[in-house]
């Protein structure tokens, strides 16, 4: 999650993955707490992360 936040920022992350913890007073700690308790939100973020990794690979970046 930290990698995605660093790559996209909170605003873009909140647009890409429509989860309130990314759009209303976001922080790493509160987002991780929410994601640990909420399976559907964790699945959405994991799916976006896998897409992110595929995009990095496609664009010639081996490591995130």
PDB file of N, CA and C in Angstrom:
ATOM      1  N   UNK A   1       0.814  -1.176   0.000  1.00  0.00           N
ATOM      2  CA  UNK A   1       0.000   0.000   0.000  1.00  0.00           C
ATOM      3  C   UNK A   1       0.865   1.249   0.000  1.00  0.00           C
ATOM      4  N   UNK A   2       1.950   1.216   0.718  1.00  0.00           N
ATOM      5  CA  UNK A   2       2.843   2.366   0.778  1.00  0.00           C
ATOM      6  C   UNK A   2       3.417   2.653  -0.607  1.00  0.00           C
ATOM      7  N   UNK A   3       3.753   1.594  -1.338  1.00  0.00           N
ATOM      8  CA  UNK A   3       4.284   1.757  -2.694  1.00  0.00           C
ATOM      9  C   UNK A   3       3.262   2.428  -3.611  1.00  0.00           C
ATOM     10  N   UNK A   4       2.015   2.006  -3.519  1.00  0.00           N
ATOM     11  CA  UNK A   4       0.972   2.618  -4.346  1.00  0.00           C
ATOM     12  C   UNK A   4       0.738   4.068  -3.958  1.00  0.00           C
ATOM     13  N   UNK A   5       0.752   4.354  -2.671  1.00  0.00           N
ATOM     14  CA  UNK A   5       0.553   5.729  -2.228  1.00  0.00           C
ATOM     15  C   UNK A   5       1.693   6.608  -2.715  1.00  0.00           C
ATOM     16  N   UNK A   6       2.901   6.088  -2.682  1.00  0.00           N
ATOM     17  CA  UNK A   6       4.052   6.862  -3.155  1.00  0.00           C
ATOM     18  C   UNK A   6       3.991   7.078  -4.667  1.00  0.00           C
ATOM     19  N   UNK A   7       3.524   6.083  -5.391  1.00  0.00           N
ATOM     20  CA  UNK A   7       3.469   6.176  -6.854  1.00  0.00           C
ATOM     21  C   UNK A   7       2.324   7.057  -7.341  1.00  0.00           C
ATOM     22  N   UNK A   8       1.187   7.018  -6.667  1.00  0.00           N
ATOM     23  CA  UNK A   8      -0.007   7.708  -7.152  1.00  0.00           C
ATOM     24  C   UNK A   8      -0.446   8.887  -6.290  1.00  0.00           C
ATOM     25  N   UNK A   9      -0.108   8.870  -5.016  1.00  0.00           N
ATOM     26  CA  UNK A   9      -0.614   9.890  -4.098  1.00  0.00           C
ATOM     27  C   UNK A   9      -2.016   9.523  -3.648  1.00  0.00           C
ATOM     28  N   UNK A  10      -2.443  10.127  -2.552  1.00  0.00           N
ATOM     29  CA  UNK A  10      -3.755   9.779  -1.992  1.00  0.00           C
ATOM     30  C   UNK A  10      -4.900  10.105  -2.937  1.00  0.00           C
ATOM     31  N   UNK A  11      -4.833  11.261  -3.576  1.00  0.00           N
ATOM     32  CA  UNK A  11      -5.946  11.681  -4.431  1.00  0.00           C
ATOM     33  C   UNK A  11      -6.152  10.716  -5.598  1.00  0.00           C
ATOM     34  N   UNK A  12      -5.095  10.395  -6.315  1.00  0.00           N
ATOM     35  CA  UNK A  12      -5.192   9.479  -7.454  1.00  0.00           C
ATOM     36  C   UNK A  12      -5.548   8.072  -6.988  1.00  0.00           C
ATOM     37  N   UNK A  13      -4.974   7.648  -5.884  1.00  0.00           N
ATOM     38  CA  UNK A  13      -5.291   6.321  -5.349  1.00  0.00           C
ATOM     39  C   UNK A  13      -6.773   6.233  -5.000  1.00  0.00           C
ATOM     40  N   UNK A  14      -7.322   7.299  -4.427  1.00  0.00           N
ATOM     41  CA  UNK A  14      -8.738   7.334  -4.103  1.00  0.00           C
ATOM     42  C   UNK A  14      -9.629   7.304  -5.333  1.00  0.00           C
ATOM     43  N   UNK A  15      -9.140   7.856  -6.446  1.00  0.00           N
ATOM     44  CA  UNK A  15      -9.907   7.811  -7.696  1.00  0.00           C
ATOM     45  C   UNK A  15      -9.820   6.434  -8.344  1.00  0.00           C
ATOM     46  N   UNK A  16      -8.650   5.827  -8.300  1.00  0.00           N
ATOM     47  CA  UNK A  16      -8.459   4.514  -8.923  1.00  0.00           C
ATOM     48  C   UNK A  16      -9.129   3.396  -8.131  1.00  0.00           C
ATOM     49  N   UNK A  17      -9.055   3.489  -6.821  1.00  0.00           N
ATOM     50  CA  UNK A  17      -9.645   2.481  -5.931  1.00  0.00           C
ATOM     51  C   UNK A  17     -10.616   3.232  -5.032  1.00  0.00           C
ATOM     52  N   UNK A  18     -11.877   3.180  -5.370  1.00  0.00           N
ATOM     53  CA  UNK A  18     -12.886   3.988  -4.677  1.00  0.00           C
ATOM     54  C   UNK A  18     -13.159   3.459  -3.275  1.00  0.00           C
ATOM     55  N   UNK A  19     -12.258   3.810  -2.365  1.00  0.00           N
ATOM     56  CA  UNK A  19     -12.396   3.427  -0.968  1.00  0.00           C
ATOM     57  C   UNK A  19     -12.244   4.702  -0.139  1.00  0.00           C
ATOM     58  N   UNK A  20     -13.174   4.935   0.737  1.00  0.00           N
ATOM     59  CA  UNK A  20     -13.223   6.183   1.504  1.00  0.00           C
ATOM     60  C   UNK A  20     -11.948   6.441   2.305  1.00  0.00           C
ATOM     61  N   UNK A  21     -11.287   5.405   2.783  1.00  0.00           N
ATOM     62  CA  UNK A  21     -10.089   5.616   3.600  1.00  0.00           C
ATOM     63  C   UNK A  21      -8.960   6.268   2.802  1.00  0.00           C
ATOM     64  N   UNK A  22      -9.091   6.307   1.465  1.00  0.00           N
ATOM     65  CA  UNK A  22      -8.085   6.973   0.632  1.00  0.00           C
ATOM     66  C   UNK A  22      -8.483   8.397   0.276  1.00  0.00           C
ATOM     67  N   UNK A  23      -9.728   8.771   0.535  1.00  0.00           N
ATOM     68  CA  UNK A  23     -10.194  10.081   0.100  1.00  0.00           C
ATOM     69  C   UNK A  23     -10.537  11.022   1.252  1.00  0.00           C
ATOM     70  N   UNK A  24     -10.791  10.521   2.423  1.00  0.00           N
ATOM     71  CA  UNK A  24     -11.186  11.357   3.563  1.00  0.00           C
ATOM     72  C   UNK A  24     -10.169  11.195   4.695  1.00  0.00           C
ATOM     73  N   UNK A  25      -9.334  12.209   4.864  1.00  0.00           N
ATOM     74  CA  UNK A  25      -8.288  12.218   5.885  1.00  0.00           C
ATOM     75  C   UNK A  25      -7.430  10.941   5.832  1.00  0.00           C
ATOM     76  N   UNK A  26      -6.813  10.661   4.693  1.00  0.00           N
ATOM     77  CA  UNK A  26      -6.052   9.421   4.549  1.00  0.00           C
ATOM     78  C   UNK A  26      -4.733   9.440   5.323  1.00  0.00           C
ATOM     79  N   UNK A  27      -4.365   8.287   5.797  1.00  0.00           N
ATOM     80  CA  UNK A  27      -3.047   8.066   6.390  1.00  0.00           C
ATOM     81  C   UNK A  27      -2.726   6.591   6.191  1.00  0.00           C
ATOM     82  N   UNK A  28      -1.459   6.285   6.214  1.00  0.00           N
ATOM     83  CA  UNK A  28      -1.052   4.891   6.037  1.00  0.00           C
ATOM     84  C   UNK A  28      -1.623   4.043   7.170  1.00  0.00           C
ATOM     85  N   UNK A  29      -1.502   4.512   8.387  1.00  0.00           N
ATOM     86  CA  UNK A  29      -1.965   3.730   9.541  1.00  0.00           C
ATOM     87  C   UNK A  29      -3.465   3.452   9.483  1.00  0.00           C
ATOM     88  N   UNK A  30      -4.272   4.480   9.233  1.00  0.00           N
ATOM     89  CA  UNK A  30      -5.718   4.258   9.213  1.00  0.00           C
ATOM     90  C   UNK A  30      -6.141   3.409   8.021  1.00  0.00           C
ATOM     91  N   UNK A  31      -5.476   3.586   6.891  1.00  0.00           N
ATOM     92  CA  UNK A  31      -5.810   2.782   5.711  1.00  0.00           C
ATOM     93  C   UNK A  31      -5.474   1.319   5.931  1.00  0.00           C
ATOM     94  N   UNK A  32      -4.311   1.047   6.501  1.00  0.00           N
ATOM     95  CA  UNK A  32      -3.942  -0.345   6.781  1.00  0.00           C
ATOM     96  C   UNK A  32      -4.891  -0.987   7.773  1.00  0.00           C
ATOM     97  N   UNK A  33      -5.276  -0.235   8.787  1.00  0.00           N
ATOM     98  CA  UNK A  33      -6.228  -0.758   9.780  1.00  0.00           C
ATOM     99  C   UNK A  33      -7.548  -1.130   9.103  1.00  0.00           C
ATOM    100  N   UNK A  34      -8.052  -0.232   8.241  1.00  0.00           N
ATOM    101  CA  UNK A  34      -9.299  -0.493   7.533  1.00  0.00           C
ATOM    102  C   UNK A  34      -9.159  -1.698   6.594  1.00  0.00           C
ATOM    103  N   UNK A  35      -8.067  -1.757   5.856  1.00  0.00           N
ATOM    104  CA  UNK A  35      -7.877  -2.849   4.900  1.00  0.00           C
ATOM    105  C   UNK A  35      -7.751  -4.200   5.594  1.00  0.00           C
ATOM    106  N   UNK A  36      -7.154  -4.224   6.767  1.00  0.00           N
ATOM    107  CA  UNK A  36      -7.038  -5.486   7.506  1.00  0.00           C
ATOM    108  C   UNK A  36      -8.404  -6.006   7.948  1.00  0.00           C
ATOM    109  N   UNK A  37      -9.332  -5.102   8.248  1.00  0.00           N
ATOM    110  CA  UNK A  37     -10.653  -5.489   8.746  1.00  0.00           C
ATOM    111  C   UNK A  37     -11.681  -5.703   7.645  1.00  0.00           C
ATOM    112  N   UNK A  38     -11.375  -5.292   6.400  1.00  0.00           N
ATOM    113  CA  UNK A  38     -12.392  -5.242   5.359  1.00  0.00           C
ATOM    114  C   UNK A  38     -11.942  -6.013   4.124  1.00  0.00           C
ATOM    115  N   UNK A  39     -12.348  -7.276   4.002  1.00  0.00           N
ATOM    116  CA  UNK A  39     -11.887  -8.111   2.898  1.00  0.00           C
ATOM    117  C   UNK A  39     -12.191  -7.546   1.504  1.00  0.00           C
ATOM    118  N   UNK A  40     -13.383  -6.974   1.288  1.00  0.00           N
ATOM    119  CA  UNK A  40     -13.712  -6.482  -0.049  1.00  0.00           C
ATOM    120  C   UNK A  40     -12.805  -5.319  -0.445  1.00  0.00           C
ATOM    121  N   UNK A  41     -12.447  -4.472   0.509  1.00  0.00           N
ATOM    122  CA  UNK A  41     -11.562  -3.340   0.210  1.00  0.00           C
ATOM    123  C   UNK A  41     -10.152  -3.842  -0.067  1.00  0.00           C
ATOM    124  N   UNK A  42      -9.705  -4.805   0.693  1.00  0.00           N
ATOM    125  CA  UNK A  42      -8.383  -5.386   0.488  1.00  0.00           C
ATOM    126  C   UNK A  42      -8.294  -6.027  -0.896  1.00  0.00           C
ATOM    127  N   UNK A  43      -9.360  -6.704  -1.318  1.00  0.00           N
ATOM    128  CA  UNK A  43      -9.383  -7.330  -2.646  1.00  0.00           C
ATOM    129  C   UNK A  43      -9.297  -6.274  -3.753  1.00  0.00           C
ATOM    130  N   UNK A  44     -10.001  -5.164  -3.585  1.00  0.00           N
ATOM    131  CA  UNK A  44      -9.945  -4.091  -4.581  1.00  0.00           C
ATOM    132  C   UNK A  44      -8.527  -3.532  -4.687  1.00  0.00           C
ATOM    133  N   UNK A  45      -7.890  -3.311  -3.539  1.00  0.00           N
ATOM    134  CA  UNK A  45      -6.541  -2.766  -3.556  1.00  0.00           C
ATOM    135  C   UNK A  45      -5.550  -3.776  -4.119  1.00  0.00           C
ATOM    136  N   UNK A  46      -5.698  -5.041  -3.780  1.00  0.00           N
ATOM    137  CA  UNK A  46      -4.814  -6.073  -4.316  1.00  0.00           C
ATOM    138  C   UNK A  46      -4.945  -6.170  -5.831  1.00  0.00           C
ATOM    139  N   UNK A  47      -6.154  -6.080  -6.325  1.00  0.00           N
ATOM    140  CA  UNK A  47      -6.378  -6.108  -7.770  1.00  0.00           C
ATOM    141  C   UNK A  47      -5.699  -4.919  -8.445  1.00  0.00           C
ATOM    142  N   UNK A  48      -5.831  -3.743  -7.858  1.00  0.00           N
ATOM    143  CA  UNK A  48      -5.174  -2.561  -8.415  1.00  0.00           C
ATOM    144  C   UNK A  48      -3.660  -2.707  -8.354  1.00  0.00           C
ATOM    145  N   UNK A  49      -3.145  -3.269  -7.283  1.00  0.00           N
ATOM    146  CA  UNK A  49      -1.704  -3.475  -7.148  1.00  0.00           C
ATOM    147  C   UNK A  49      -1.179  -4.415  -8.236  1.00  0.00           C
ATOM    148  N   UNK A  50      -1.899  -5.482  -8.505  1.00  0.00           N
ATOM    149  CA  UNK A  50      -1.481  -6.400  -9.567  1.00  0.00           C
ATOM    150  C   UNK A  50      -1.493  -5.708 -10.924  1.00  0.00           C
ATOM    151  N   UNK A  51      -2.498  -4.877 -11.161  1.00  0.00           N
ATOM    152  CA  UNK A  51      -2.534  -4.088 -12.395  1.00  0.00           C
ATOM    153  C   UNK A  51      -1.316  -3.166 -12.465  1.00  0.00           C
ATOM    154  N   UNK A  52      -1.002  -2.525 -11.356  1.00  0.00           N
ATOM    155  CA  UNK A  52       0.146  -1.628 -11.260  1.00  0.00           C
ATOM    156  C   UNK A  52       1.442  -2.365 -11.624  1.00  0.00           C
ATOM    157  N   UNK A  53       1.618  -3.562 -11.089  1.00  0.00           N
ATOM    158  CA  UNK A  53       2.820  -4.351 -11.393  1.00  0.00           C
ATOM    159  C   UNK A  53       2.891  -4.718 -12.871  1.00  0.00           C
ATOM    160  N   UNK A  54       1.741  -5.086 -13.454  1.00  0.00           N
ATOM    161  CA  UNK A  54       1.723  -5.403 -14.889  1.00  0.00           C
ATOM    162  C   UNK A  54       2.105  -4.188 -15.727  1.00  0.00           C
ATOM    163  N   UNK A  55       1.611  -3.013 -15.335  1.00  0.00           N
ATOM    164  CA  UNK A  55       1.942  -1.779 -16.051  1.00  0.00           C
ATOM    165  C   UNK A  55       3.433  -1.467 -15.941  1.00  0.00           C
ATOM    166  N   UNK A  56       4.002  -1.660 -14.781  1.00  0.00           N
ATOM    167  CA  UNK A  56       5.439  -1.437 -14.620  1.00  0.00           C
ATOM    168  C   UNK A  56       6.232  -2.370 -15.525  1.00  0.00           C
ATOM    169  N   UNK A  57       5.830  -3.629 -15.563  1.00  0.00           N
ATOM    170  CA  UNK A  57       6.522  -4.605 -16.397  1.00  0.00           C
ATOM    171  C   UNK A  57       6.369  -4.252 -17.870  1.00  0.00           C
ATOM    172  N   UNK A  58       5.167  -3.859 -18.268  1.00  0.00           N
ATOM    173  CA  UNK A  58       4.912  -3.516 -19.658  1.00  0.00           C
ATOM    174  C   UNK A  58       5.721  -2.293 -20.098  1.00  0.00           C
ATOM    175  N   UNK A  59       5.918  -1.368 -19.165  1.00  0.00           N
ATOM    176  CA  UNK A  59       6.648  -0.142 -19.474  1.00  0.00           C
ATOM    177  C   UNK A  59       8.156  -0.290 -19.288  1.00  0.00           C
ATOM    178  N   UNK A  60       8.611  -1.512 -19.058  1.00  0.00           N
ATOM    179  CA  UNK A  60      10.035  -1.774 -18.988  1.00  0.00           C
ATOM    180  C   UNK A  60      10.690  -1.556 -17.640  1.00  0.00           C
ATOM    181  N   UNK A  61       9.899  -1.443 -16.615  1.00  0.00           N
ATOM    182  CA  UNK A  61      10.455  -1.294 -15.273  1.00  0.00           C
ATOM    183  C   UNK A  61      10.348  -2.632 -14.563  1.00  0.00           C
ATOM    184  N   UNK A  62      11.485  -3.241 -14.285  1.00  0.00           N
ATOM    185  CA  UNK A  62      11.492  -4.582 -13.703  1.00  0.00           C
ATOM    186  C   UNK A  62      10.996  -4.590 -12.262  1.00  0.00           C
ATOM    187  N   UNK A  63      11.484  -3.663 -11.436  1.00  0.00           N
ATOM    188  CA  UNK A  63      11.115  -3.642 -10.022  1.00  0.00           C
ATOM    189  C   UNK A  63      10.278  -2.407  -9.735  1.00  0.00           C
ATOM    190  N   UNK A  64       9.265  -2.558  -8.868  1.00  0.00           N
ATOM    191  CA  UNK A  64       8.438  -1.411  -8.484  1.00  0.00           C
ATOM    192  C   UNK A  64       9.191  -0.381  -7.680  1.00  0.00           C
TER     193      UNK A  64
END
